[in-house]
Amino acid sequence: MVYDNIGNIYLSEKKLDKAIPFFEDALQLRRLLNEPKSIASTLNNLAVAYIENKDYKKAIEYLTESVAIFEQLRLTARIELRKYFLNAQIASYHNLILALVKNKEFDKAFHYIELSRAKQLAETIAKDANLTTPLLKDVMREMNDSTMAIVFTAVDNAEIIIYGITKDTVSVVTESKEMFLRNILNDIAIRELVIANSICMKSKITDVFIE
């Protein structure tokens, strides 16, 4: 649609005051025409603009709706279309995770990281069971005093979100994809990055595992 295309051009140029109205017009028209797939896509585009504009609460609202629409489309689609809708949904999940981290809602962000992974796994084995995902507090409770877990989002995002989790503390940092991929070649650099940003460490970390 023309409105979406123009909005994306302005978004790429960081002209958010111009991009957002075009996305909003596109969304209004998509809703009027009752086009669920296009509604979900436009919601994602609009949310990205709001993330850039640092309006994280509005971005979270739009992305939550986008994820829900893609989920319904995925579950009711023919088998050959399910992967397409899953990939679109995962893109919205990634943006939702970023918005939640920016808004300092770390527990929710962690939940969506695990949920998106679970959905990918369920789709891979062609089985939609009732998905269960671990809560951050449960992960922390099960850890011993000398271990840190490092969890990061998929590397197809512009920004990578890295969780450093110990029994008592949680550290969350964001890093550019380019820098992350450079550092991942030497995972010691990743460990040092997360450990250095951990808050109020109560004990020395002797074991680190990466998910």
C-alpha atoms as a PDB file:
ATOM      1  CA  MET A   1       0.000   0.000   0.000  1.00  0.00           C
ATOM      2  CA  VAL A   2       1.159   3.527  -0.795  1.00  0.00           C
ATOM      3  CA  TYR A   3       0.788   4.793   2.792  1.00  0.00           C
ATOM      4  CA  ASP A   4       2.965   1.981   4.154  1.00  0.00           C
ATOM      5  CA  ASN A   5       5.598   2.494   1.475  1.00  0.00           C
ATOM      6  CA  ILE A   6       5.830   6.224   2.120  1.00  0.00           C
ATOM      7  CA  GLY A   7       5.936   5.598   5.860  1.00  0.00           C
ATOM      8  CA  ASN A   8       8.812   3.163   5.429  1.00  0.00           C
ATOM      9  CA  ILE A   9      10.732   5.695   3.345  1.00  0.00           C
ATOM     10  CA  TYR A  10      10.350   8.346   6.031  1.00  0.00           C
ATOM     11  CA  LEU A  11      11.208   5.801   8.731  1.00  0.00           C
ATOM     12  CA  SER A  12      14.433   4.867   6.917  1.00  0.00           C
ATOM     13  CA  GLU A  13      15.286   8.577   6.855  1.00  0.00           C
ATOM     14  CA  LYS A  14      14.497   8.903  10.586  1.00  0.00           C
ATOM     15  CA  LYS A  15      11.735  11.414   9.803  1.00  0.00           C
ATOM     16  CA  LEU A  16       9.421  10.011  12.442  1.00  0.00           C
ATOM     17  CA  ASP A  17       7.052  12.984  12.522  1.00  0.00           C
ATOM     18  CA  LYS A  18       6.247  12.191   8.887  1.00  0.00           C
ATOM     19  CA  ALA A  19       6.434   8.394   9.030  1.00  0.00           C
ATOM     20  CA  ILE A  20       3.978   7.899  11.903  1.00  0.00           C
ATOM     21  CA  PRO A  21       0.982   9.689  10.299  1.00  0.00           C
ATOM     22  CA  PHE A  22       1.373   7.620   7.119  1.00  0.00           C
ATOM     23  CA  PHE A  23       1.470   4.381   9.109  1.00  0.00           C
ATOM     24  CA  GLU A  24      -1.570   5.490  11.118  1.00  0.00           C
ATOM     25  CA  ASP A  25      -3.481   6.270   7.910  1.00  0.00           C
ATOM     26  CA  ALA A  26      -2.488   2.879   6.509  1.00  0.00           C
ATOM     27  CA  LEU A  27      -3.663   1.144   9.688  1.00  0.00           C
ATOM     28  CA  GLN A  28      -7.011   2.929   9.630  1.00  0.00           C
ATOM     29  CA  LEU A  29      -7.603   1.859   6.031  1.00  0.00           C
ATOM     30  CA  ARG A  30      -6.460  -1.729   6.699  1.00  0.00           C
ATOM     31  CA  ARG A  31      -8.935  -1.981   9.574  1.00  0.00           C
ATOM     32  CA  LEU A  32     -11.715  -0.574   7.401  1.00  0.00           C
ATOM     33  CA  LEU A  33     -10.983  -3.197   4.733  1.00  0.00           C
ATOM     34  CA  ASN A  34     -10.643  -5.934   7.391  1.00  0.00           C
ATOM     35  CA  GLU A  35      -7.281  -7.234   6.157  1.00  0.00           C
ATOM     36  CA  PRO A  36      -5.757  -9.070   9.160  1.00  0.00           C
ATOM     37  CA  LYS A  37      -2.348  -9.833   7.612  1.00  0.00           C
ATOM     38  CA  SER A  38      -1.881  -6.254   6.457  1.00  0.00           C
ATOM     39  CA  ILE A  39      -3.165  -4.911   9.792  1.00  0.00           C
ATOM     40  CA  ALA A  40      -0.558  -6.967  11.663  1.00  0.00           C
ATOM     41  CA  SER A  41       2.232  -5.830   9.328  1.00  0.00           C
ATOM     42  CA  THR A  42       1.275  -2.171   9.604  1.00  0.00           C
ATOM     43  CA  LEU A  43       1.029  -2.450  13.388  1.00  0.00           C
ATOM     44  CA  ASN A  44       4.598  -3.758  13.396  1.00  0.00           C
ATOM     45  CA  ASN A  45       5.800  -0.910  11.157  1.00  0.00           C
ATOM     46  CA  LEU A  46       4.048   1.669  13.300  1.00  0.00           C
ATOM     47  CA  ALA A  47       5.519   0.169  16.455  1.00  0.00           C
ATOM     48  CA  VAL A  48       9.048   0.350  15.023  1.00  0.00           C
ATOM     49  CA  ALA A  49       8.502   4.069  14.430  1.00  0.00           C
ATOM     50  CA  TYR A  50       7.323   4.500  18.018  1.00  0.00           C
ATOM     51  CA  ILE A  51      10.364   2.608  19.314  1.00  0.00           C
ATOM     52  CA  GLU A  52      12.570   5.011  17.358  1.00  0.00           C
ATOM     53  CA  ASN A  53      10.519   7.855  18.875  1.00  0.00           C
ATOM     54  CA  LYS A  54      11.105   6.373  22.369  1.00  0.00           C
ATOM     55  CA  ASP A  55       7.363   5.910  22.955  1.00  0.00           C
ATOM     56  CA  TYR A  56       7.802   2.347  24.168  1.00  0.00           C
ATOM     57  CA  LYS A  57       4.386   1.914  25.776  1.00  0.00           C
ATOM     58  CA  LYS A  58       2.598   2.667  22.517  1.00  0.00           C
ATOM     59  CA  ALA A  59       4.984   0.378  20.641  1.00  0.00           C
ATOM     60  CA  ILE A  60       4.252  -2.440  23.107  1.00  0.00           C
ATOM     61  CA  GLU A  61       0.523  -1.940  22.640  1.00  0.00           C
ATOM     62  CA  TYR A  62       0.741  -2.189  18.844  1.00  0.00           C
ATOM     63  CA  LEU A  63       3.198  -5.092  18.844  1.00  0.00           C
ATOM     64  CA  THR A  64       1.096  -7.105  21.286  1.00  0.00           C
ATOM     65  CA  GLU A  65      -1.826  -6.798  18.869  1.00  0.00           C
ATOM     66  CA  SER A  66       0.398  -7.631  15.881  1.00  0.00           C
ATOM     67  CA  VAL A  67       1.689 -10.811  17.543  1.00  0.00           C
ATOM     68  CA  ALA A  68      -1.862 -11.892  18.434  1.00  0.00           C
ATOM     69  CA  ILE A  69      -3.120 -11.406  14.875  1.00  0.00           C
ATOM     70  CA  PHE A  70      -0.209 -13.321  13.349  1.00  0.00           C
ATOM     71  CA  GLU A  71      -0.798 -16.116  15.861  1.00  0.00           C
ATOM     72  CA  GLN A  72      -4.423 -16.462  14.793  1.00  0.00           C
ATOM     73  CA  LEU A  73      -3.441 -16.408  11.125  1.00  0.00           C
ATOM     74  CA  ARG A  74      -0.726 -19.002  11.719  1.00  0.00           C
ATOM     75  CA  LEU A  75      -3.027 -21.397  13.550  1.00  0.00           C
ATOM     76  CA  THR A  76      -5.744 -21.231  10.881  1.00  0.00           C
ATOM     77  CA  ALA A  77      -3.503 -21.162   7.779  1.00  0.00           C
ATOM     78  CA  ARG A  78      -2.850 -23.976   5.373  1.00  0.00           C
ATOM     79  CA  ILE A  79       0.294 -25.912   6.209  1.00  0.00           C
ATOM     80  CA  GLU A  80       2.308 -24.297   3.395  1.00  0.00           C
ATOM     81  CA  LEU A  81       1.545 -20.811   4.759  1.00  0.00           C
ATOM     82  CA  ARG A  82       2.199 -21.460   8.421  1.00  0.00           C
ATOM     83  CA  LYS A  83       5.945 -20.823   8.181  1.00  0.00           C
ATOM     84  CA  TYR A  84       5.344 -17.459   6.501  1.00  0.00           C
ATOM     85  CA  PHE A  85       3.051 -16.316   9.306  1.00  0.00           C
ATOM     86  CA  LEU A  86       5.434 -17.682  11.945  1.00  0.00           C
ATOM     87  CA  ASN A  87       8.340 -15.692  10.476  1.00  0.00           C
ATOM     88  CA  ALA A  88       6.202 -12.546  10.426  1.00  0.00           C
ATOM     89  CA  GLN A  89       5.136 -13.202  14.006  1.00  0.00           C
ATOM     90  CA  ILE A  90       8.733 -13.751  15.135  1.00  0.00           C
ATOM     91  CA  ALA A  91       9.698 -10.380  13.614  1.00  0.00           C
ATOM     92  CA  SER A  92       6.964  -8.746  15.710  1.00  0.00           C
ATOM     93  CA  TYR A  93       8.121 -10.702  18.767  1.00  0.00           C
ATOM     94  CA  HIS A  94      11.659  -9.399  18.318  1.00  0.00           C
ATOM     95  CA  ASN A  95      10.437  -5.812  18.176  1.00  0.00           C
ATOM     96  CA  LEU A  96       8.180  -6.419  21.175  1.00  0.00           C
ATOM     97  CA  ILE A  97      11.124  -7.797  23.162  1.00  0.00           C
ATOM     98  CA  LEU A  98      13.193  -4.741  22.248  1.00  0.00           C
ATOM     99  CA  ALA A  99      10.394  -2.348  23.278  1.00  0.00           C
ATOM    100  CA  LEU A 100       9.933  -4.153  26.601  1.00  0.00           C
ATOM    101  CA  VAL A 101      13.657  -4.009  27.344  1.00  0.00           C
ATOM    102  CA  LYS A 102      13.764  -0.318  26.455  1.00  0.00           C
ATOM    103  CA  ASN A 103      10.804   0.148  28.827  1.00  0.00           C
ATOM    104  CA  LYS A 104      12.683  -1.846  31.508  1.00  0.00           C
ATOM    105  CA  GLU A 105      10.067  -4.631  31.603  1.00  0.00           C
ATOM    106  CA  PHE A 106      12.709  -7.339  31.755  1.00  0.00           C
ATOM    107  CA  ASP A 107      10.520 -10.175  33.060  1.00  0.00           C
ATOM    108  CA  LYS A 108       8.046  -9.794  30.198  1.00  0.00           C
ATOM    109  CA  ALA A 109      10.830  -9.486  27.646  1.00  0.00           C
ATOM    110  CA  PHE A 110      12.412 -12.712  28.884  1.00  0.00           C
ATOM    111  CA  HIS A 111       9.038 -14.463  28.659  1.00  0.00           C
ATOM    112  CA  TYR A 112       8.642 -13.450  25.010  1.00  0.00           C
ATOM    113  CA  ILE A 113      12.187 -14.527  24.165  1.00  0.00           C
ATOM    114  CA  GLU A 114      11.392 -18.008  25.430  1.00  0.00           C
ATOM    115  CA  LEU A 115       7.878 -18.041  23.941  1.00  0.00           C
ATOM    116  CA  SER A 116       9.107 -17.137  20.464  1.00  0.00           C
ATOM    117  CA  ARG A 117      11.708 -19.910  20.658  1.00  0.00           C
ATOM    118  CA  ALA A 118       9.079 -22.386  21.810  1.00  0.00           C
ATOM    119  CA  LYS A 119       6.801 -21.505  18.915  1.00  0.00           C
ATOM    120  CA  GLN A 120       9.627 -21.951  16.431  1.00  0.00           C
ATOM    121  CA  LEU A 121      10.383 -25.353  17.902  1.00  0.00           C
ATOM    122  CA  ALA A 122       6.710 -26.372  17.890  1.00  0.00           C
ATOM    123  CA  GLU A 123       6.369 -25.364  14.246  1.00  0.00           C
ATOM    124  CA  THR A 124       9.546 -27.222  13.320  1.00  0.00           C
ATOM    125  CA  ILE A 125       8.152 -30.466  14.690  1.00  0.00           C
ATOM    126  CA  ALA A 126       4.718 -29.618  13.231  1.00  0.00           C
ATOM    127  CA  LYS A 127       2.989 -29.854  16.548  1.00  0.00           C
ATOM    128  CA  ASP A 128       1.078 -27.157  18.389  1.00  0.00           C
ATOM    129  CA  ALA A 129       0.985 -28.373  21.941  1.00  0.00           C
ATOM    130  CA  ASN A 130       0.281 -26.184  24.934  1.00  0.00           C
ATOM    131  CA  LEU A 131       3.551 -24.300  25.136  1.00  0.00           C
ATOM    132  CA  THR A 132       5.080 -23.706  28.522  1.00  0.00           C
ATOM    133  CA  THR A 133       7.926 -21.249  29.023  1.00  0.00           C
ATOM    134  CA  PRO A 134      10.067 -20.637  32.107  1.00  0.00           C
ATOM    135  CA  LEU A 135       9.595 -17.527  34.202  1.00  0.00           C
ATOM    136  CA  LEU A 136      12.675 -15.468  34.935  1.00  0.00           C
ATOM    137  CA  LYS A 137      12.237 -15.881  38.695  1.00  0.00           C
ATOM    138  CA  ASP A 138      12.068 -19.665  38.274  1.00  0.00           C
ATOM    139  CA  VAL A 139      15.281 -19.695  36.254  1.00  0.00           C
ATOM    140  CA  MET A 140      17.032 -17.678  38.955  1.00  0.00           C
ATOM    141  CA  ARG A 141      15.747 -19.928  41.728  1.00  0.00           C
ATOM    142  CA  GLU A 142      17.157 -23.040  40.072  1.00  0.00           C
ATOM    143  CA  MET A 143      20.665 -21.624  39.618  1.00  0.00           C
ATOM    144  CA  ASN A 144      23.526 -22.183  42.019  1.00  0.00           C
ATOM    145  CA  ASP A 145      25.643 -19.409  43.521  1.00  0.00           C
ATOM    146  CA  SER A 146      28.592 -19.790  41.135  1.00  0.00           C
ATOM    147  CA  THR A 147      26.787 -19.868  37.776  1.00  0.00           C
ATOM    148  CA  MET A 148      25.698 -17.233  35.280  1.00  0.00           C
ATOM    149  CA  ALA A 149      23.397 -17.901  32.331  1.00  0.00           C
ATOM    150  CA  ILE A 150      23.691 -15.773  29.219  1.00  0.00           C
ATOM    151  CA  VAL A 151      20.581 -15.627  27.034  1.00  0.00           C
ATOM    152  CA  PHE A 152      20.394 -13.574  23.857  1.00  0.00           C
ATOM    153  CA  THR A 153      17.818 -12.898  21.177  1.00  0.00           C
ATOM    154  CA  ALA A 154      18.198 -14.161  17.615  1.00  0.00           C
ATOM    155  CA  VAL A 155      20.858 -12.432  15.532  1.00  0.00           C
ATOM    156  CA  ASP A 156      18.544 -11.316  12.715  1.00  0.00           C
ATOM    157  CA  ASN A 157      17.641  -8.168  14.647  1.00  0.00           C
ATOM    158  CA  ALA A 158      19.437  -4.833  14.285  1.00  0.00           C
ATOM    159  CA  GLU A 159      19.922  -4.797  18.062  1.00  0.00           C
ATOM    160  CA  ILE A 160      20.753  -7.887  20.077  1.00  0.00           C
ATOM    161  CA  ILE A 161      19.417  -8.144  23.642  1.00  0.00           C
ATOM    162  CA  ILE A 162      21.650 -10.011  26.084  1.00  0.00           C
ATOM    163  CA  TYR A 163      20.514 -11.248  29.500  1.00  0.00           C
ATOM    164  CA  GLY A 164      23.028 -12.124  32.199  1.00  0.00           C
ATOM    165  CA  ILE A 165      21.246 -14.118  34.898  1.00  0.00           C
ATOM    166  CA  THR A 166      22.588 -15.237  38.259  1.00  0.00           C
ATOM    167  CA  LYS A 167      20.802 -16.579  41.322  1.00  0.00           C
ATOM    168  CA  ASP A 168      20.452 -13.059  42.744  1.00  0.00           C
ATOM    169  CA  THR A 169      20.755 -10.583  39.877  1.00  0.00           C
ATOM    170  CA  VAL A 170      19.683  -9.874  36.326  1.00  0.00           C
ATOM    171  CA  SER A 171      21.638  -7.739  33.870  1.00  0.00           C
ATOM    172  CA  VAL A 172      20.235  -6.706  30.491  1.00  0.00           C
ATOM    173  CA  VAL A 173      22.252  -4.966  27.787  1.00  0.00           C
ATOM    174  CA  THR A 174      21.613  -4.180  24.137  1.00  0.00           C
ATOM    175  CA  GLU A 175      24.306  -4.277  21.494  1.00  0.00           C
ATOM    176  CA  SER A 176      24.384  -3.625  17.761  1.00  0.00           C
ATOM    177  CA  LYS A 177      24.197  -6.693  15.546  1.00  0.00           C
ATOM    178  CA  GLU A 178      27.561  -5.870  13.976  1.00  0.00           C
ATOM    179  CA  MET A 179      29.302  -5.591  17.326  1.00  0.00           C
ATOM    180  CA  PHE A 180      27.577  -8.693  18.668  1.00  0.00           C
ATOM    181  CA  LEU A 181      28.649 -10.825  15.728  1.00  0.00           C
ATOM    182  CA  ARG A 182      32.167  -9.515  16.073  1.00  0.00           C
ATOM    183  CA  ASN A 183      32.253 -10.356  19.760  1.00  0.00           C
ATOM    184  CA  ILE A 184      30.614 -13.745  19.413  1.00  0.00           C
ATOM    185  CA  LEU A 185      33.751 -14.922  17.635  1.00  0.00           C
ATOM    186  CA  ASN A 186      35.333 -14.591  21.032  1.00  0.00           C
ATOM    187  CA  ASP A 187      32.689 -15.466  23.601  1.00  0.00           C
ATOM    188  CA  ILE A 188      34.929 -14.275  26.409  1.00  0.00           C
ATOM    189  CA  ALA A 189      34.169 -10.738  25.242  1.00  0.00           C
ATOM    190  CA  ILE A 190      30.445 -11.439  25.523  1.00  0.00           C
ATOM    191  CA  ARG A 191      30.836 -12.849  29.007  1.00  0.00           C
ATOM    192  CA  GLU A 192      32.865  -9.858  30.152  1.00  0.00           C
ATOM    193  CA  LEU A 193      30.302  -7.467  28.658  1.00  0.00           C
ATOM    194  CA  VAL A 194      27.403  -8.982  30.574  1.00  0.00           C
ATOM    195  CA  ILE A 195      29.301  -9.589  33.794  1.00  0.00           C
ATOM    196  CA  ALA A 196      30.556  -5.989  33.787  1.00  0.00           C
ATOM    197  CA  ASN A 197      26.965  -4.755  33.579  1.00  0.00           C
ATOM    198  CA  SER A 198      25.599  -7.043  36.304  1.00  0.00           C
ATOM    199  CA  ILE A 199      24.169  -5.222  39.278  1.00  0.00           C
ATOM    200  CA  CYS A 200      25.282  -5.851  42.870  1.00  0.00           C
ATOM    201  CA  MET A 201      27.013  -9.152  42.305  1.00  0.00           C
ATOM    202  CA  LYS A 202      27.085 -11.007  45.610  1.00  0.00           C
ATOM    203  CA  SER A 203      29.485 -13.747  44.679  1.00  0.00           C
ATOM    204  CA  LYS A 204      32.227 -14.488  42.208  1.00  0.00           C
ATOM    205  CA  ILE A 205      31.007 -16.059  38.970  1.00  0.00           C
ATOM    206  CA  THR A 206      32.919 -19.244  38.240  1.00  0.00           C
ATOM    207  CA  ASP A 207      30.672 -20.896  35.640  1.00  0.00           C
ATOM    208  CA  VAL A 208      28.992 -19.367  32.617  1.00  0.00           C
ATOM    209  CA  PHE A 209      26.764 -21.107  30.107  1.00  0.00           C
ATOM    210  CA  ILE A 210      25.239 -19.607  26.991  1.00  0.00           C
ATOM    211  CA  GLU A 211      21.815 -20.410  25.596  1.00  0.00           C
END
